[in-house]
Amino acid sequence: MNESRFVYVTYIRVSPEKLWQALTTTELMKSYFFGATFDSDWKQGSPWRMVLPGGDVSDSGEILEFSPPSRLVLSWRHEMRQERKDEGLSRLTAEIEPAGEASKLTISHGIAVANSKLIAGVSEGWPRILSNLKSMLETGKVVV
């Protein structure tokens, strides 16, 4: 099967519980997601959507798995750029593992489309977002 996948692994000096909280608390997410808010009740089967500061919905989907503090899986559809939206649903998996005094965070974002424009886009976005997350949790300040 043709597919495109982006995988990013980082270690953050914080407990899995604090990292989970940062990944699923709208106000915290807003800090490292460049002001975007996430509308969801954070329950398995619930919808979610990312709303940009100007009010546009950039991405949406469903919470497929919600297993605190170790695994979050979302279906993900881009809503703004037609060529990315036309690719359909992708799948985001966030896995958290204890790693001594830190937590290992693995983000995997994939779609059943070869040479996906969506995955090309998130491959640029996720490193910036996750750098902000790591910096925020370790220092209290975001990078970008």
C-alpha atoms as a PDB file:
ATOM      1  CA  MET A   1       0.000   0.000   0.000  1.00  0.00           C
ATOM      2  CA  ASN A   2       1.183   3.512  -0.776  1.00  0.00           C
ATOM      3  CA  GLU A   3       1.457   5.765   2.227  1.00  0.00           C
ATOM      4  CA  SER A   4       3.261   8.780   3.600  1.00  0.00           C
ATOM      5  CA  ARG A   5       4.408   9.038   7.185  1.00  0.00           C
ATOM      6  CA  PHE A   6       6.128  11.545   9.437  1.00  0.00           C
ATOM      7  CA  VAL A   7       7.665  10.358  12.720  1.00  0.00           C
ATOM      8  CA  TYR A   8       9.267  12.593  15.346  1.00  0.00           C
ATOM      9  CA  VAL A   9      10.772  11.462  18.660  1.00  0.00           C
ATOM     10  CA  THR A  10      11.835  13.800  21.439  1.00  0.00           C
ATOM     11  CA  TYR A  11      12.668  13.527  25.117  1.00  0.00           C
ATOM     12  CA  ILE A  12      11.224  16.105  27.484  1.00  0.00           C
ATOM     13  CA  ARG A  13      12.328  16.515  31.091  1.00  0.00           C
ATOM     14  CA  VAL A  14       8.834  16.206  32.557  1.00  0.00           C
ATOM     15  CA  SER A  15       6.628  13.411  33.903  1.00  0.00           C
ATOM     16  CA  PRO A  16       4.345  11.508  31.501  1.00  0.00           C
ATOM     17  CA  GLU A  17       1.362  12.982  33.372  1.00  0.00           C
ATOM     18  CA  LYS A  18       2.517  16.583  32.830  1.00  0.00           C
ATOM     19  CA  LEU A  19       3.286  15.870  29.183  1.00  0.00           C
ATOM     20  CA  TRP A  20      -0.166  14.296  28.733  1.00  0.00           C
ATOM     21  CA  GLN A  21      -1.749  17.363  30.320  1.00  0.00           C
ATOM     22  CA  ALA A  22       0.109  19.620  27.880  1.00  0.00           C
ATOM     23  CA  LEU A  23      -1.073  17.513  24.932  1.00  0.00           C
ATOM     24  CA  THR A  24      -4.737  17.563  25.971  1.00  0.00           C
ATOM     25  CA  THR A  25      -5.370  20.907  27.688  1.00  0.00           C
ATOM     26  CA  THR A  26      -6.610  23.574  25.315  1.00  0.00           C
ATOM     27  CA  GLU A  27      -5.080  26.540  27.170  1.00  0.00           C
ATOM     28  CA  LEU A  28      -1.655  24.879  27.315  1.00  0.00           C
ATOM     29  CA  MET A  29      -1.872  23.828  23.670  1.00  0.00           C
ATOM     30  CA  LYS A  30      -2.622  27.388  22.654  1.00  0.00           C
ATOM     31  CA  SER A  31       0.786  28.411  24.046  1.00  0.00           C
ATOM     32  CA  TYR A  32       2.851  26.109  21.839  1.00  0.00           C
ATOM     33  CA  PHE A  33       0.471  25.735  18.839  1.00  0.00           C
ATOM     34  CA  PHE A  34       0.936  29.382  17.785  1.00  0.00           C
ATOM     35  CA  GLY A  35      -2.302  30.586  19.355  1.00  0.00           C
ATOM     36  CA  ALA A  36      -4.555  27.897  17.849  1.00  0.00           C
ATOM     37  CA  THR A  37      -7.227  26.460  20.124  1.00  0.00           C
ATOM     38  CA  PHE A  38      -8.517  22.907  20.179  1.00  0.00           C
ATOM     39  CA  ASP A  39     -12.236  22.431  20.601  1.00  0.00           C
ATOM     40  CA  SER A  40     -12.968  19.008  22.096  1.00  0.00           C
ATOM     41  CA  ASP A  41     -14.156  17.350  25.273  1.00  0.00           C
ATOM     42  CA  TRP A  42     -11.150  15.000  25.007  1.00  0.00           C
ATOM     43  CA  LYS A  43     -13.075  11.734  25.154  1.00  0.00           C
ATOM     44  CA  GLN A  44     -12.729   8.728  22.881  1.00  0.00           C
ATOM     45  CA  GLY A  45     -15.195   9.009  19.996  1.00  0.00           C
ATOM     46  CA  SER A  46     -15.535  12.781  20.325  1.00  0.00           C
ATOM     47  CA  PRO A  47     -14.870  15.259  17.536  1.00  0.00           C
ATOM     48  CA  TRP A  48     -12.057  17.798  17.745  1.00  0.00           C
ATOM     49  CA  ARG A  49     -11.137  20.817  15.669  1.00  0.00           C
ATOM     50  CA  MET A  50      -8.237  23.251  15.586  1.00  0.00           C
ATOM     51  CA  VAL A  51      -9.305  26.887  15.359  1.00  0.00           C
ATOM     52  CA  LEU A  52      -6.742  29.485  14.303  1.00  0.00           C
ATOM     53  CA  PRO A  53      -6.552  32.873  16.066  1.00  0.00           C
ATOM     54  CA  GLY A  54      -8.574  34.482  13.241  1.00  0.00           C
ATOM     55  CA  GLY A  55     -11.421  31.985  13.676  1.00  0.00           C
ATOM     56  CA  ASP A  56     -10.742  29.667  10.705  1.00  0.00           C
ATOM     57  CA  VAL A  57     -10.845  25.913  11.331  1.00  0.00           C
ATOM     58  CA  SER A  58      -7.570  24.510  10.017  1.00  0.00           C
ATOM     59  CA  ASP A  59      -7.944  20.834  10.946  1.00  0.00           C
ATOM     60  CA  SER A  60     -10.541  18.495  12.419  1.00  0.00           C
ATOM     61  CA  GLY A  61     -11.235  14.868  13.176  1.00  0.00           C
ATOM     62  CA  GLU A  62     -12.214  12.367  15.832  1.00  0.00           C
ATOM     63  CA  ILE A  63     -10.511  11.094  18.965  1.00  0.00           C
ATOM     64  CA  LEU A  64      -9.940   7.418  18.170  1.00  0.00           C
ATOM     65  CA  GLU A  65      -8.011   6.431  21.316  1.00  0.00           C
ATOM     66  CA  PHE A  66      -7.626   8.264  24.612  1.00  0.00           C
ATOM     67  CA  SER A  67      -5.439   6.372  27.097  1.00  0.00           C
ATOM     68  CA  PRO A  68      -3.910   8.736  29.680  1.00  0.00           C
ATOM     69  CA  PRO A  69      -1.035   9.244  30.137  1.00  0.00           C
ATOM     70  CA  SER A  70       0.425   7.132  27.360  1.00  0.00           C
ATOM     71  CA  ARG A  71      -1.470   7.117  24.041  1.00  0.00           C
ATOM     72  CA  LEU A  72      -3.612   9.510  22.038  1.00  0.00           C
ATOM     73  CA  VAL A  73      -4.806   8.696  18.501  1.00  0.00           C
ATOM     74  CA  LEU A  74      -6.719  11.145  16.317  1.00  0.00           C
ATOM     75  CA  SER A  75      -8.175  10.978  12.856  1.00  0.00           C
ATOM     76  CA  TRP A  76      -7.027  14.192  11.183  1.00  0.00           C
ATOM     77  CA  ARG A  77      -8.302  16.092   8.158  1.00  0.00           C
ATOM     78  CA  HIS A  78      -6.886  19.348   6.931  1.00  0.00           C
ATOM     79  CA  GLU A  79      -9.650  21.863   6.194  1.00  0.00           C
ATOM     80  CA  MET A  80      -8.013  24.920   4.603  1.00  0.00           C
ATOM     81  CA  ARG A  81      -5.957  23.914   1.567  1.00  0.00           C
ATOM     82  CA  GLN A  82      -8.059  21.949  -0.899  1.00  0.00           C
ATOM     83  CA  GLU A  83      -5.196  19.757  -2.178  1.00  0.00           C
ATOM     84  CA  ARG A  84      -4.546  18.578   1.399  1.00  0.00           C
ATOM     85  CA  LYS A  85      -8.237  18.224   2.264  1.00  0.00           C
ATOM     86  CA  ASP A  86      -8.805  16.108  -0.860  1.00  0.00           C
ATOM     87  CA  GLU A  87      -6.319  13.524   0.451  1.00  0.00           C
ATOM     88  CA  GLY A  88      -8.848  12.575   3.139  1.00  0.00           C
ATOM     89  CA  LEU A  89      -8.286  11.453   6.699  1.00  0.00           C
ATOM     90  CA  SER A  90      -4.847  10.953   8.147  1.00  0.00           C
ATOM     91  CA  ARG A  91      -3.976   9.432  11.517  1.00  0.00           C
ATOM     92  CA  LEU A  92      -1.980  11.063  14.283  1.00  0.00           C
ATOM     93  CA  THR A  93      -0.598   8.919  17.098  1.00  0.00           C
ATOM     94  CA  ALA A  94       1.097  10.422  20.157  1.00  0.00           C
ATOM     95  CA  GLU A  95       2.811   7.934  22.457  1.00  0.00           C
ATOM     96  CA  ILE A  96       4.390   8.814  25.790  1.00  0.00           C
ATOM     97  CA  GLU A  97       6.818   6.563  27.627  1.00  0.00           C
ATOM     98  CA  PRO A  98       8.718   7.175  30.878  1.00  0.00           C
ATOM     99  CA  ALA A  99      12.447   7.657  30.238  1.00  0.00           C
ATOM    100  CA  GLY A 100      14.229   8.150  33.562  1.00  0.00           C
ATOM    101  CA  GLU A 101      13.656  11.750  34.654  1.00  0.00           C
ATOM    102  CA  ALA A 102      12.145  12.545  31.276  1.00  0.00           C
ATOM    103  CA  SER A 103       9.378  11.324  29.003  1.00  0.00           C
ATOM    104  CA  LYS A 104       9.843  10.025  25.491  1.00  0.00           C
ATOM    105  CA  LEU A 105       7.270  11.476  23.093  1.00  0.00           C
ATOM    106  CA  THR A 106       6.768   9.839  19.704  1.00  0.00           C
ATOM    107  CA  ILE A 107       4.536  11.587  17.185  1.00  0.00           C
ATOM    108  CA  SER A 108       3.564   9.575  14.122  1.00  0.00           C
ATOM    109  CA  HIS A 109       1.381  11.187  11.476  1.00  0.00           C
ATOM    110  CA  GLY A 110       0.476   9.075   8.454  1.00  0.00           C
ATOM    111  CA  ILE A 111      -1.935   8.811   5.549  1.00  0.00           C
ATOM    112  CA  ALA A 112      -2.644   6.178   2.890  1.00  0.00           C
ATOM    113  CA  VAL A 113      -1.505   8.509   0.095  1.00  0.00           C
ATOM    114  CA  ALA A 114       1.885   8.345  -1.601  1.00  0.00           C
ATOM    115  CA  ASN A 115       3.785  11.646  -1.670  1.00  0.00           C
ATOM    116  CA  SER A 116       1.136  13.299   0.500  1.00  0.00           C
ATOM    117  CA  LYS A 117       0.958  17.084   0.492  1.00  0.00           C
ATOM    118  CA  LEU A 118      -0.535  16.902   3.997  1.00  0.00           C
ATOM    119  CA  ILE A 119       2.420  14.932   5.357  1.00  0.00           C
ATOM    120  CA  ALA A 120       4.828  17.318   3.606  1.00  0.00           C
ATOM    121  CA  GLY A 121       3.096  20.164   5.443  1.00  0.00           C
ATOM    122  CA  VAL A 122       3.007  18.545   8.872  1.00  0.00           C
ATOM    123  CA  SER A 123       6.655  17.530   8.445  1.00  0.00           C
ATOM    124  CA  GLU A 124       7.453  21.238   8.604  1.00  0.00           C
ATOM    125  CA  GLY A 125       4.909  22.105  11.288  1.00  0.00           C
ATOM    126  CA  TRP A 126       5.385  19.345  13.867  1.00  0.00           C
ATOM    127  CA  PRO A 127       9.088  20.050  14.574  1.00  0.00           C
ATOM    128  CA  ARG A 128       8.296  23.710  15.321  1.00  0.00           C
ATOM    129  CA  ILE A 129       5.291  22.812  17.486  1.00  0.00           C
ATOM    130  CA  LEU A 130       7.163  20.105  19.396  1.00  0.00           C
ATOM    131  CA  SER A 131      10.173  22.373  19.933  1.00  0.00           C
ATOM    132  CA  ASN A 132       7.789  24.900  21.466  1.00  0.00           C
ATOM    133  CA  LEU A 133       6.205  22.181  23.624  1.00  0.00           C
ATOM    134  CA  LYS A 134       9.567  20.945  24.908  1.00  0.00           C
ATOM    135  CA  SER A 135      10.813  24.459  25.630  1.00  0.00           C
ATOM    136  CA  MET A 136       7.562  25.474  27.329  1.00  0.00           C
ATOM    137  CA  LEU A 137       7.561  22.452  29.625  1.00  0.00           C
ATOM    138  CA  GLU A 138      11.261  22.680  30.488  1.00  0.00           C
ATOM    139  CA  THR A 139      11.740  26.461  30.694  1.00  0.00           C
ATOM    140  CA  GLY A 140       8.289  28.045  30.762  1.00  0.00           C
ATOM    141  CA  LYS A 141       8.910  29.809  27.419  1.00  0.00           C
ATOM    142  CA  VAL A 142       8.261  28.836  23.804  1.00  0.00           C
ATOM    143  CA  VAL A 143      10.941  29.011  21.121  1.00  0.00           C
ATOM    144  CA  VAL A 144       8.966  30.558  18.263  1.00  0.00           C
END
